[in-house]
Amino acid sequence: MKDDAKNDFLKGSLDLLILKVVKYGPIHGYAVTQRIQQISRDFFQVPQGSLYPALHRLEDRGWIAAEWKTSETGREAKFYSLTRKGQRQLEAEIDRWERFSGAVALILRATD
């Protein structure tokens, strides 16, 4: 798949992917990108120019909380955690995505 198509998919689902990764415990920004890339088997590669604005947007909405901590490399980093409001949003986003992908699957399986 071309990078443009991957980027279009990523733009529409980045908040969902971040919320899902952050759900599992405090994680810093770089680790979020690494985890998304790892879980997607290198399909998604989130550029910093997309990640950090998304993290700030999610924090502004109250869906994630941030705290400065020392990372595994000994450097200070902002670690993100899912809030209760974020958990509710994640559930809503998953439901929306499942309905959307189910509808697309129905169309793709339709016979002439």
PDB file of N, CA and C in Angstrom:
ATOM      1  N   MET A   1       0.842  -1.174   0.000  1.00  0.00           N
ATOM      2  CA  MET A   1       0.000   0.000   0.000  1.00  0.00           C
ATOM      3  C   MET A   1       0.887   1.235   0.000  1.00  0.00           C
ATOM      4  N   LYS A   2       0.509   2.233  -0.774  1.00  0.00           N
ATOM      5  CA  LYS A   2       1.298   3.457  -0.867  1.00  0.00           C
ATOM      6  C   LYS A   2       1.246   4.229   0.446  1.00  0.00           C
ATOM      7  N   ASP A   3       2.301   4.997   0.700  1.00  0.00           N
ATOM      8  CA  ASP A   3       2.385   5.786   1.930  1.00  0.00           C
ATOM      9  C   ASP A   3       1.230   6.761   2.070  1.00  0.00           C
ATOM     10  N   ASP A   4       0.757   7.356   0.965  1.00  0.00           N
ATOM     11  CA  ASP A   4      -0.363   8.299   1.026  1.00  0.00           C
ATOM     12  C   ASP A   4      -1.609   7.618   1.578  1.00  0.00           C
ATOM     13  N   ALA A   5      -1.882   6.409   1.123  1.00  0.00           N
ATOM     14  CA  ALA A   5      -3.054   5.679   1.601  1.00  0.00           C
ATOM     15  C   ALA A   5      -2.891   5.321   3.080  1.00  0.00           C
ATOM     16  N   LYS A   6      -1.687   4.910   3.471  1.00  0.00           N
ATOM     17  CA  LYS A   6      -1.429   4.607   4.883  1.00  0.00           C
ATOM     18  C   LYS A   6      -1.641   5.848   5.740  1.00  0.00           C
ATOM     19  N   ASN A   7      -1.145   6.993   5.258  1.00  0.00           N
ATOM     20  CA  ASN A   7      -1.299   8.236   6.011  1.00  0.00           C
ATOM     21  C   ASN A   7      -2.759   8.632   6.147  1.00  0.00           C
ATOM     22  N   ASP A   8      -3.565   8.384   5.105  1.00  0.00           N
ATOM     23  CA  ASP A   8      -4.995   8.675   5.194  1.00  0.00           C
ATOM     24  C   ASP A   8      -5.657   7.800   6.252  1.00  0.00           C
ATOM     25  N   PHE A   9      -5.327   6.518   6.285  1.00  0.00           N
ATOM     26  CA  PHE A   9      -5.846   5.633   7.322  1.00  0.00           C
ATOM     27  C   PHE A   9      -5.416   6.110   8.702  1.00  0.00           C
ATOM     28  N   LEU A  10      -4.154   6.483   8.814  1.00  0.00           N
ATOM     29  CA  LEU A  10      -3.604   6.911  10.089  1.00  0.00           C
ATOM     30  C   LEU A  10      -4.293   8.168  10.592  1.00  0.00           C
ATOM     31  N   LYS A  11      -4.509   9.149   9.723  1.00  0.00           N
ATOM     32  CA  LYS A  11      -5.169  10.398  10.126  1.00  0.00           C
ATOM     33  C   LYS A  11      -6.537  10.134  10.728  1.00  0.00           C
ATOM     34  N   GLY A  12      -7.278   9.222  10.136  1.00  0.00           N
ATOM     35  CA  GLY A  12      -8.627   8.933  10.607  1.00  0.00           C
ATOM     36  C   GLY A  12      -8.694   8.068  11.842  1.00  0.00           C
ATOM     37  N   SER A  13      -7.586   7.451  12.213  1.00  0.00           N
ATOM     38  CA  SER A  13      -7.632   6.509  13.335  1.00  0.00           C
ATOM     39  C   SER A  13      -6.567   6.766  14.401  1.00  0.00           C
ATOM     40  N   LEU A  14      -5.792   7.830  14.266  1.00  0.00           N
ATOM     41  CA  LEU A  14      -4.679   8.059  15.183  1.00  0.00           C
ATOM     42  C   LEU A  14      -5.131   8.193  16.638  1.00  0.00           C
ATOM     43  N   ASP A  15      -6.194   8.948  16.893  1.00  0.00           N
ATOM     44  CA  ASP A  15      -6.671   9.103  18.270  1.00  0.00           C
ATOM     45  C   ASP A  15      -7.025   7.748  18.876  1.00  0.00           C
ATOM     46  N   LEU A  16      -7.730   6.939  18.123  1.00  0.00           N
ATOM     47  CA  LEU A  16      -8.109   5.601  18.585  1.00  0.00           C
ATOM     48  C   LEU A  16      -6.871   4.768  18.893  1.00  0.00           C
ATOM     49  N   LEU A  17      -5.887   4.776  17.996  1.00  0.00           N
ATOM     50  CA  LEU A  17      -4.679   3.977  18.197  1.00  0.00           C
ATOM     51  C   LEU A  17      -3.905   4.442  19.429  1.00  0.00           C
ATOM     52  N   ILE A  18      -3.800   5.739  19.613  1.00  0.00           N
ATOM     53  CA  ILE A  18      -3.090   6.270  20.784  1.00  0.00           C
ATOM     54  C   ILE A  18      -3.818   5.892  22.058  1.00  0.00           C
ATOM     55  N   LEU A  19      -5.136   6.097  22.090  1.00  0.00           N
ATOM     56  CA  LEU A  19      -5.900   5.757  23.291  1.00  0.00           C
ATOM     57  C   LEU A  19      -5.742   4.280  23.640  1.00  0.00           C
ATOM     58  N   LYS A  20      -5.765   3.429  22.648  1.00  0.00           N
ATOM     59  CA  LYS A  20      -5.626   1.990  22.882  1.00  0.00           C
ATOM     60  C   LYS A  20      -4.255   1.657  23.467  1.00  0.00           C
ATOM     61  N   VAL A  21      -3.197   2.248  22.924  1.00  0.00           N
ATOM     62  CA  VAL A  21      -1.844   1.977  23.412  1.00  0.00           C
ATOM     63  C   VAL A  21      -1.648   2.535  24.821  1.00  0.00           C
ATOM     64  N   VAL A  22      -2.165   3.724  25.072  1.00  0.00           N
ATOM     65  CA  VAL A  22      -2.001   4.372  26.375  1.00  0.00           C
ATOM     66  C   VAL A  22      -2.809   3.640  27.456  1.00  0.00           C
ATOM     67  N   LYS A  23      -3.834   2.929  27.048  1.00  0.00           N
ATOM     68  CA  LYS A  23      -4.690   2.188  27.996  1.00  0.00           C
ATOM     69  C   LYS A  23      -3.887   1.245  28.893  1.00  0.00           C
ATOM     70  N   TYR A  24      -2.803   0.708  28.379  1.00  0.00           N
ATOM     71  CA  TYR A  24      -2.070  -0.332  29.099  1.00  0.00           C
ATOM     72  C   TYR A  24      -1.088   0.193  30.138  1.00  0.00           C
ATOM     73  N   GLY A  25      -1.080   1.488  30.368  1.00  0.00           N
ATOM     74  CA  GLY A  25      -0.233   2.031  31.427  1.00  0.00           C
ATOM     75  C   GLY A  25       0.579   3.201  30.941  1.00  0.00           C
ATOM     76  N   PRO A  26       1.201   3.899  31.873  1.00  0.00           N
ATOM     77  CA  PRO A  26       1.974   5.089  31.510  1.00  0.00           C
ATOM     78  C   PRO A  26       3.028   4.773  30.440  1.00  0.00           C
ATOM     79  N   ILE A  27       3.067   5.629  29.427  1.00  0.00           N
ATOM     80  CA  ILE A  27       3.969   5.412  28.303  1.00  0.00           C
ATOM     81  C   ILE A  27       4.364   6.772  27.736  1.00  0.00           C
ATOM     82  N   HIS A  28       5.622   6.915  27.344  1.00  0.00           N
ATOM     83  CA  HIS A  28       6.060   8.193  26.777  1.00  0.00           C
ATOM     84  C   HIS A  28       5.832   8.195  25.272  1.00  0.00           C
ATOM     85  N   GLY A  29       5.882   9.393  24.690  1.00  0.00           N
ATOM     86  CA  GLY A  29       5.530   9.586  23.292  1.00  0.00           C
ATOM     87  C   GLY A  29       6.269   8.685  22.322  1.00  0.00           C
ATOM     88  N   TYR A  30       7.580   8.626  22.443  1.00  0.00           N
ATOM     89  CA  TYR A  30       8.348   7.798  21.514  1.00  0.00           C
ATOM     90  C   TYR A  30       7.919   6.333  21.613  1.00  0.00           C
ATOM     91  N   ALA A  31       7.651   5.871  22.827  1.00  0.00           N
ATOM     92  CA  ALA A  31       7.218   4.490  23.015  1.00  0.00           C
ATOM     93  C   ALA A  31       5.837   4.250  22.398  1.00  0.00           C
ATOM     94  N   VAL A  32       4.986   5.286  22.382  1.00  0.00           N
ATOM     95  CA  VAL A  32       3.678   5.166  21.735  1.00  0.00           C
ATOM     96  C   VAL A  32       3.880   4.856  20.255  1.00  0.00           C
ATOM     97  N   THR A  33       4.751   5.611  19.591  1.00  0.00           N
ATOM     98  CA  THR A  33       4.980   5.377  18.163  1.00  0.00           C
ATOM     99  C   THR A  33       5.575   3.993  17.927  1.00  0.00           C
ATOM    100  N   GLN A  34       6.509   3.599  18.774  1.00  0.00           N
ATOM    101  CA  GLN A  34       7.140   2.279  18.626  1.00  0.00           C
ATOM    102  C   GLN A  34       6.108   1.165  18.808  1.00  0.00           C
ATOM    103  N   ARG A  35       5.232   1.328  19.783  1.00  0.00           N
ATOM    104  CA  ARG A  35       4.226   0.296  20.064  1.00  0.00           C
ATOM    105  C   ARG A  35       3.223   0.176  18.918  1.00  0.00           C
ATOM    106  N   ILE A  36       2.774   1.320  18.397  1.00  0.00           N
ATOM    107  CA  ILE A  36       1.843   1.292  17.261  1.00  0.00           C
ATOM    108  C   ILE A  36       2.506   0.613  16.065  1.00  0.00           C
ATOM    109  N   GLN A  37       3.742   0.944  15.800  1.00  0.00           N
ATOM    110  CA  GLN A  37       4.469   0.332  14.685  1.00  0.00           C
ATOM    111  C   GLN A  37       4.624  -1.170  14.910  1.00  0.00           C
ATOM    112  N   GLN A  38       4.976  -1.553  16.141  1.00  0.00           N
ATOM    113  CA  GLN A  38       5.175  -2.971  16.452  1.00  0.00           C
ATOM    114  C   GLN A  38       3.878  -3.760  16.319  1.00  0.00           C
ATOM    115  N   ILE A  39       2.805  -3.280  16.938  1.00  0.00           N
ATOM    116  CA  ILE A  39       1.532  -4.007  16.905  1.00  0.00           C
ATOM    117  C   ILE A  39       0.990  -4.113  15.485  1.00  0.00           C
ATOM    118  N   SER A  40       1.179  -3.051  14.690  1.00  0.00           N
ATOM    119  CA  SER A  40       0.657  -3.056  13.312  1.00  0.00           C
ATOM    120  C   SER A  40       1.595  -3.774  12.337  1.00  0.00           C
ATOM    121  N   ARG A  41       2.637  -4.388  12.876  1.00  0.00           N
ATOM    122  CA  ARG A  41       3.636  -5.094  12.043  1.00  0.00           C
ATOM    123  C   ARG A  41       4.201  -4.160  10.970  1.00  0.00           C
ATOM    124  N   ASP A  42       4.569  -2.970  11.429  1.00  0.00           N
ATOM    125  CA  ASP A  42       5.198  -1.943  10.598  1.00  0.00           C
ATOM    126  C   ASP A  42       4.274  -1.303   9.567  1.00  0.00           C
ATOM    127  N   PHE A  43       2.962  -1.554   9.659  1.00  0.00           N
ATOM    128  CA  PHE A  43       2.041  -0.906   8.723  1.00  0.00           C
ATOM    129  C   PHE A  43       1.970   0.591   9.004  1.00  0.00           C
ATOM    130  N   PHE A  44       1.804   0.937  10.293  1.00  0.00           N
ATOM    131  CA  PHE A  44       1.739   2.343  10.686  1.00  0.00           C
ATOM    132  C   PHE A  44       3.077   2.794  11.250  1.00  0.00           C
ATOM    133  N   GLN A  45       3.555   3.914  10.746  1.00  0.00           N
ATOM    134  CA  GLN A  45       4.740   4.565  11.292  1.00  0.00           C
ATOM    135  C   GLN A  45       4.326   6.009  11.545  1.00  0.00           C
ATOM    136  N   VAL A  46       4.144   6.337  12.817  1.00  0.00           N
ATOM    137  CA  VAL A  46       3.591   7.640  13.189  1.00  0.00           C
ATOM    138  C   VAL A  46       4.711   8.678  13.257  1.00  0.00           C
ATOM    139  N   PRO A  47       4.667   9.686  12.395  1.00  0.00           N
ATOM    140  CA  PRO A  47       5.687  10.735  12.467  1.00  0.00           C
ATOM    141  C   PRO A  47       5.474  11.628  13.690  1.00  0.00           C
ATOM    142  N   GLN A  48       6.568  12.146  14.237  1.00  0.00           N
ATOM    143  CA  GLN A  48       6.477  13.021  15.407  1.00  0.00           C
ATOM    144  C   GLN A  48       5.571  14.210  15.147  1.00  0.00           C
ATOM    145  N   GLY A  49       5.572  14.699  13.922  1.00  0.00           N
ATOM    146  CA  GLY A  49       4.739  15.845  13.572  1.00  0.00           C
ATOM    147  C   GLY A  49       3.253  15.556  13.651  1.00  0.00           C
ATOM    148  N   SER A  50       2.877  14.295  13.669  1.00  0.00           N
ATOM    149  CA  SER A  50       1.479  13.894  13.860  1.00  0.00           C
ATOM    150  C   SER A  50       1.227  13.473  15.296  1.00  0.00           C
ATOM    151  N   LEU A  51       2.201  12.776  15.892  1.00  0.00           N
ATOM    152  CA  LEU A  51       2.011  12.221  17.234  1.00  0.00           C
ATOM    153  C   LEU A  51       1.824  13.295  18.299  1.00  0.00           C
ATOM    154  N   TYR A  52       2.757  14.220  18.395  1.00  0.00           N
ATOM    155  CA  TYR A  52       2.724  15.156  19.521  1.00  0.00           C
ATOM    156  C   TYR A  52       1.533  16.108  19.478  1.00  0.00           C
ATOM    157  N   PRO A  53       1.122  16.610  18.313  1.00  0.00           N
ATOM    158  CA  PRO A  53      -0.130  17.380  18.301  1.00  0.00           C
ATOM    159  C   PRO A  53      -1.332  16.533  18.743  1.00  0.00           C
ATOM    160  N   ALA A  54      -1.350  15.254  18.355  1.00  0.00           N
ATOM    161  CA  ALA A  54      -2.443  14.367  18.761  1.00  0.00           C
ATOM    162  C   ALA A  54      -2.417  14.145  20.274  1.00  0.00           C
ATOM    163  N   LEU A  55      -1.244  13.920  20.841  1.00  0.00           N
ATOM    164  CA  LEU A  55      -1.145  13.739  22.294  1.00  0.00           C
ATOM    165  C   LEU A  55      -1.626  14.991  23.027  1.00  0.00           C
ATOM    166  N   HIS A  56      -1.234  16.157  22.549  1.00  0.00           N
ATOM    167  CA  HIS A  56      -1.677  17.405  23.191  1.00  0.00           C
ATOM    168  C   HIS A  56      -3.186  17.586  23.059  1.00  0.00           C
ATOM    169  N   ARG A  57      -3.734  17.248  21.904  1.00  0.00           N
ATOM    170  CA  ARG A  57      -5.179  17.344  21.689  1.00  0.00           C
ATOM    171  C   ARG A  57      -5.927  16.410  22.650  1.00  0.00           C
ATOM    172  N   LEU A  58      -5.454  15.176  22.788  1.00  0.00           N
ATOM    173  CA  LEU A  58      -6.093  14.211  23.680  1.00  0.00           C
ATOM    174  C   LEU A  58      -5.990  14.659  25.139  1.00  0.00           C
ATOM    175  N   GLU A  59      -4.859  15.254  25.479  1.00  0.00           N
ATOM    176  CA  GLU A  59      -4.670  15.780  26.835  1.00  0.00           C
ATOM    177  C   GLU A  59      -5.617  16.963  27.079  1.00  0.00           C
ATOM    178  N   ASP A  60      -5.731  17.864  26.111  1.00  0.00           N
ATOM    179  CA  ASP A  60      -6.635  19.013  26.233  1.00  0.00           C
ATOM    180  C   ASP A  60      -8.088  18.580  26.396  1.00  0.00           C
ATOM    181  N   ARG A  61      -8.459  17.482  25.774  1.00  0.00           N
ATOM    182  CA  ARG A  61      -9.827  16.962  25.873  1.00  0.00           C
ATOM    183  C   ARG A  61     -10.071  16.187  27.166  1.00  0.00           C
ATOM    184  N   GLY A  62      -8.989  15.963  27.931  1.00  0.00           N
ATOM    185  CA  GLY A  62      -9.136  15.224  29.187  1.00  0.00           C
ATOM    186  C   GLY A  62      -9.174  13.721  29.019  1.00  0.00           C
ATOM    187  N   TRP A  63      -8.780  13.231  27.847  1.00  0.00           N
ATOM    188  CA  TRP A  63      -8.809  11.790  27.585  1.00  0.00           C
ATOM    189  C   TRP A  63      -7.552  11.094  28.056  1.00  0.00           C
ATOM    190  N   ILE A  64      -6.455  11.841  28.136  1.00  0.00           N
ATOM    191  CA  ILE A  64      -5.214  11.311  28.698  1.00  0.00           C
ATOM    192  C   ILE A  64      -4.652  12.344  29.669  1.00  0.00           C
ATOM    193  N   ALA A  65      -3.859  11.873  30.598  1.00  0.00           N
ATOM    194  CA  ALA A  65      -3.162  12.749  31.542  1.00  0.00           C
ATOM    195  C   ALA A  65      -1.670  12.541  31.343  1.00  0.00           C
ATOM    196  N   ALA A  66      -0.901  13.593  31.592  1.00  0.00           N
ATOM    197  CA  ALA A  66       0.550  13.520  31.390  1.00  0.00           C
ATOM    198  C   ALA A  66       1.285  13.841  32.686  1.00  0.00           C
ATOM    199  N   GLU A  67       2.416  13.168  32.865  1.00  0.00           N
ATOM    200  CA  GLU A  67       3.249  13.381  34.043  1.00  0.00           C
ATOM    201  C   GLU A  67       4.710  13.210  33.628  1.00  0.00           C
ATOM    202  N   TRP A  68       5.549  14.129  34.084  1.00  0.00           N
ATOM    203  CA  TRP A  68       6.982  14.022  33.787  1.00  0.00           C
ATOM    204  C   TRP A  68       7.613  12.970  34.683  1.00  0.00           C
ATOM    205  N   LYS A  69       8.357  12.045  34.075  1.00  0.00           N
ATOM    206  CA  LYS A  69       9.065  10.981  34.792  1.00  0.00           C
ATOM    207  C   LYS A  69      10.387  10.715  34.081  1.00  0.00           C
ATOM    208  N   THR A  70      11.224   9.932  34.729  1.00  0.00           N
ATOM    209  CA  THR A  70      12.477   9.513  34.114  1.00  0.00           C
ATOM    210  C   THR A  70      12.221   8.266  33.271  1.00  0.00           C
ATOM    211  N   SER A  71      12.672   8.303  32.022  1.00  0.00           N
ATOM    212  CA  SER A  71      12.471   7.164  31.122  1.00  0.00           C
ATOM    213  C   SER A  71      13.532   6.096  31.389  1.00  0.00           C
ATOM    214  N   GLU A  72      13.425   4.988  30.672  1.00  0.00           N
ATOM    215  CA  GLU A  72      14.377   3.887  30.827  1.00  0.00           C
ATOM    216  C   GLU A  72      15.784   4.278  30.390  1.00  0.00           C
ATOM    217  N   THR A  73      15.900   5.357  29.620  1.00  0.00           N
ATOM    218  CA  THR A  73      17.216   5.831  29.191  1.00  0.00           C
ATOM    219  C   THR A  73      17.800   6.849  30.168  1.00  0.00           C
ATOM    220  N   GLY A  74      17.045   7.165  31.231  1.00  0.00           N
ATOM    221  CA  GLY A  74      17.513   8.115  32.232  1.00  0.00           C
ATOM    222  C   GLY A  74      17.173   9.562  31.919  1.00  0.00           C
ATOM    223  N   ARG A  75      16.458   9.788  30.830  1.00  0.00           N
ATOM    224  CA  ARG A  75      16.068  11.142  30.462  1.00  0.00           C
ATOM    225  C   ARG A  75      14.654  11.439  30.954  1.00  0.00           C
ATOM    226  N   GLU A  76      14.391  12.711  31.189  1.00  0.00           N
ATOM    227  CA  GLU A  76      13.044  13.124  31.570  1.00  0.00           C
ATOM    228  C   GLU A  76      12.137  13.045  30.341  1.00  0.00           C
ATOM    229  N   ALA A  77      10.956  12.491  30.542  1.00  0.00           N
ATOM    230  CA  ALA A  77       9.996  12.371  29.444  1.00  0.00           C
ATOM    231  C   ALA A  77       8.591  12.498  30.009  1.00  0.00           C
ATOM    232  N   LYS A  78       7.675  12.932  29.173  1.00  0.00           N
ATOM    233  CA  LYS A  78       6.278  13.031  29.555  1.00  0.00           C
ATOM    234  C   LYS A  78       5.647  11.663  29.333  1.00  0.00           C
ATOM    235  N   PHE A  79       5.066  11.115  30.386  1.00  0.00           N
ATOM    236  CA  PHE A  79       4.394   9.823  30.313  1.00  0.00           C
ATOM    237  C   PHE A  79       2.892  10.052  30.315  1.00  0.00           C
ATOM    238  N   TYR A  80       2.202   9.358  29.442  1.00  0.00           N
ATOM    239  CA  TYR A  80       0.769   9.544  29.253  1.00  0.00           C
ATOM    240  C   TYR A  80      -0.003   8.349  29.810  1.00  0.00           C
ATOM    241  N   SER A  81      -1.138   8.651  30.444  1.00  0.00           N
ATOM    242  CA  SER A  81      -2.029   7.633  30.998  1.00  0.00           C
ATOM    243  C   SER A  81      -3.453   7.938  30.564  1.00  0.00           C
ATOM    244  N   LEU A  82      -4.256   6.904  30.432  1.00  0.00           N
ATOM    245  CA  LEU A  82      -5.654   7.056  30.057  1.00  0.00           C
ATOM    246  C   LEU A  82      -6.469   7.490  31.275  1.00  0.00           C
ATOM    247  N   THR A  83      -7.343   8.469  31.105  1.00  0.00           N
ATOM    248  CA  THR A  83      -8.241   8.910  32.174  1.00  0.00           C
ATOM    249  C   THR A  83      -9.552   8.129  32.070  1.00  0.00           C
ATOM    250  N   ARG A  84     -10.432   8.292  33.046  1.00  0.00           N
ATOM    251  CA  ARG A  84     -11.753   7.649  32.971  1.00  0.00           C
ATOM    252  C   ARG A  84     -12.518   8.152  31.755  1.00  0.00           C
ATOM    253  N   LYS A  85     -12.436   9.454  31.535  1.00  0.00           N
ATOM    254  CA  LYS A  85     -13.080  10.049  30.363  1.00  0.00           C
ATOM    255  C   LYS A  85     -12.483   9.457  29.086  1.00  0.00           C
ATOM    256  N   GLY A  86     -11.185   9.242  29.079  1.00  0.00           N
ATOM    257  CA  GLY A  86     -10.512   8.637  27.940  1.00  0.00           C
ATOM    258  C   GLY A  86     -10.935   7.196  27.714  1.00  0.00           C
ATOM    259  N   GLN A  87     -11.159   6.470  28.804  1.00  0.00           N
ATOM    260  CA  GLN A  87     -11.627   5.083  28.695  1.00  0.00           C
ATOM    261  C   GLN A  87     -12.999   5.045  28.029  1.00  0.00           C
ATOM    262  N   ARG A  88     -13.877   5.955  28.433  1.00  0.00           N
ATOM    263  CA  ARG A  88     -15.205   6.025  27.809  1.00  0.00           C
ATOM    264  C   ARG A  88     -15.085   6.384  26.329  1.00  0.00           C
ATOM    265  N   GLN A  89     -14.187   7.309  26.020  1.00  0.00           N
ATOM    266  CA  GLN A  89     -13.982   7.705  24.626  1.00  0.00           C
ATOM    267  C   GLN A  89     -13.414   6.545  23.820  1.00  0.00           C
ATOM    268  N   LEU A  90     -12.471   5.817  24.399  1.00  0.00           N
ATOM    269  CA  LEU A  90     -11.893   4.658  23.719  1.00  0.00           C
ATOM    270  C   LEU A  90     -12.984   3.647  23.377  1.00  0.00           C
ATOM    271  N   GLU A  91     -13.858   3.366  24.330  1.00  0.00           N
ATOM    272  CA  GLU A  91     -14.949   2.414  24.087  1.00  0.00           C
ATOM    273  C   GLU A  91     -15.857   2.899  22.963  1.00  0.00           C
ATOM    274  N   ALA A  92     -16.156   4.203  22.955  1.00  0.00           N
ATOM    275  CA  ALA A  92     -16.996   4.775  21.897  1.00  0.00           C
ATOM    276  C   ALA A  92     -16.294   4.701  20.542  1.00  0.00           C
ATOM    277  N   GLU A  93     -14.989   4.987  20.526  1.00  0.00           N
ATOM    278  CA  GLU A  93     -14.216   4.940  19.278  1.00  0.00           C
ATOM    279  C   GLU A  93     -14.139   3.516  18.735  1.00  0.00           C
ATOM    280  N   ILE A  94     -13.945   2.544  19.619  1.00  0.00           N
ATOM    281  CA  ILE A  94     -13.896   1.138  19.197  1.00  0.00           C
ATOM    282  C   ILE A  94     -15.234   0.729  18.608  1.00  0.00           C
ATOM    283  N   ASP A  95     -16.329   1.113  19.273  1.00  0.00           N
ATOM    284  CA  ASP A  95     -17.668   0.781  18.777  1.00  0.00           C
ATOM    285  C   ASP A  95     -17.884   1.402  17.398  1.00  0.00           C
ATOM    286  N   ARG A  96     -17.510   2.659  17.233  1.00  0.00           N
ATOM    287  CA  ARG A  96     -17.671   3.359  15.958  1.00  0.00           C
ATOM    288  C   ARG A  96     -16.833   2.670  14.870  1.00  0.00           C
ATOM    289  N   TRP A  97     -15.599   2.325  15.205  1.00  0.00           N
ATOM    290  CA  TRP A  97     -14.724   1.677  14.230  1.00  0.00           C
ATOM    291  C   TRP A  97     -15.269   0.304  13.828  1.00  0.00           C
ATOM    292  N   GLU A  98     -15.764  -0.470  14.786  1.00  0.00           N
ATOM    293  CA  GLU A  98     -16.303  -1.795  14.483  1.00  0.00           C
ATOM    294  C   GLU A  98     -17.546  -1.705  13.603  1.00  0.00           C
ATOM    295  N   ARG A  99     -18.406  -0.699  13.860  1.00  0.00           N
ATOM    296  CA  ARG A  99     -19.590  -0.510  13.010  1.00  0.00           C
ATOM    297  C   ARG A  99     -19.169  -0.097  11.594  1.00  0.00           C
ATOM    298  N   PHE A 100     -18.210   0.811  11.509  1.00  0.00           N
ATOM    299  CA  PHE A 100     -17.711   1.273  10.215  1.00  0.00           C
ATOM    300  C   PHE A 100     -17.089   0.122   9.430  1.00  0.00           C
ATOM    301  N   SER A 101     -16.168  -0.617  10.042  1.00  0.00           N
ATOM    302  CA  SER A 101     -15.486  -1.695   9.323  1.00  0.00           C
ATOM    303  C   SER A 101     -16.461  -2.822   8.988  1.00  0.00           C
ATOM    304  N   GLY A 102     -17.460  -3.056   9.831  1.00  0.00           N
ATOM    305  CA  GLY A 102     -18.484  -4.063   9.526  1.00  0.00           C
ATOM    306  C   GLY A 102     -19.307  -3.669   8.310  1.00  0.00           C
ATOM    307  N   ALA A 103     -19.659  -2.392   8.213  1.00  0.00           N
ATOM    308  CA  ALA A 103     -20.432  -1.908   7.071  1.00  0.00           C
ATOM    309  C   ALA A 103     -19.611  -2.006   5.784  1.00  0.00           C
ATOM    310  N   VAL A 104     -18.330  -1.658   5.859  1.00  0.00           N
ATOM    311  CA  VAL A 104     -17.457  -1.780   4.687  1.00  0.00           C
ATOM    312  C   VAL A 104     -17.351  -3.250   4.276  1.00  0.00           C
ATOM    313  N   ALA A 105     -17.201  -4.136   5.251  1.00  0.00           N
ATOM    314  CA  ALA A 105     -17.104  -5.569   4.942  1.00  0.00           C
ATOM    315  C   ALA A 105     -18.369  -6.075   4.254  1.00  0.00           C
ATOM    316  N   LEU A 106     -19.529  -5.603   4.698  1.00  0.00           N
ATOM    317  CA  LEU A 106     -20.779  -6.012   4.046  1.00  0.00           C
ATOM    318  C   LEU A 106     -20.799  -5.602   2.579  1.00  0.00           C
ATOM    319  N   ILE A 107     -20.351  -4.393   2.310  1.00  0.00           N
ATOM    320  CA  ILE A 107     -20.325  -3.918   0.926  1.00  0.00           C
ATOM    321  C   ILE A 107     -19.329  -4.723   0.097  1.00  0.00           C
ATOM    322  N   LEU A 108     -18.164  -5.005   0.667  1.00  0.00           N
ATOM    323  CA  LEU A 108     -17.149  -5.761  -0.071  1.00  0.00           C
ATOM    324  C   LEU A 108     -17.584  -7.187  -0.364  1.00  0.00           C
ATOM    325  N   ARG A 109     -18.393  -7.766   0.511  1.00  0.00           N
ATOM    326  CA  ARG A 109     -18.868  -9.141   0.319  1.00  0.00           C
ATOM    327  C   ARG A 109     -20.135  -9.224  -0.537  1.00  0.00           C
ATOM    328  N   ALA A 110     -20.715  -8.073  -0.873  1.00  0.00           N
ATOM    329  CA  ALA A 110     -21.958  -8.082  -1.653  1.00  0.00           C
ATOM    330  C   ALA A 110     -21.705  -8.708  -3.024  1.00  0.00           C
ATOM    331  N   THR A 111     -22.688  -9.443  -3.469  1.00  0.00           N
ATOM    332  CA  THR A 111     -22.591 -10.056  -4.782  1.00  0.00           C
ATOM    333  C   THR A 111     -23.441  -9.278  -5.768  1.00  0.00           C
ATOM    334  N   ASP A 112     -23.078  -9.401  -7.013  1.00  0.00           N
ATOM    335  CA  ASP A 112     -23.817  -8.673  -8.063  1.00  0.00           C
ATOM    336  C   ASP A 112     -25.172  -9.266  -8.301  1.00  0.00           C
TER     337      ASP A 112
END
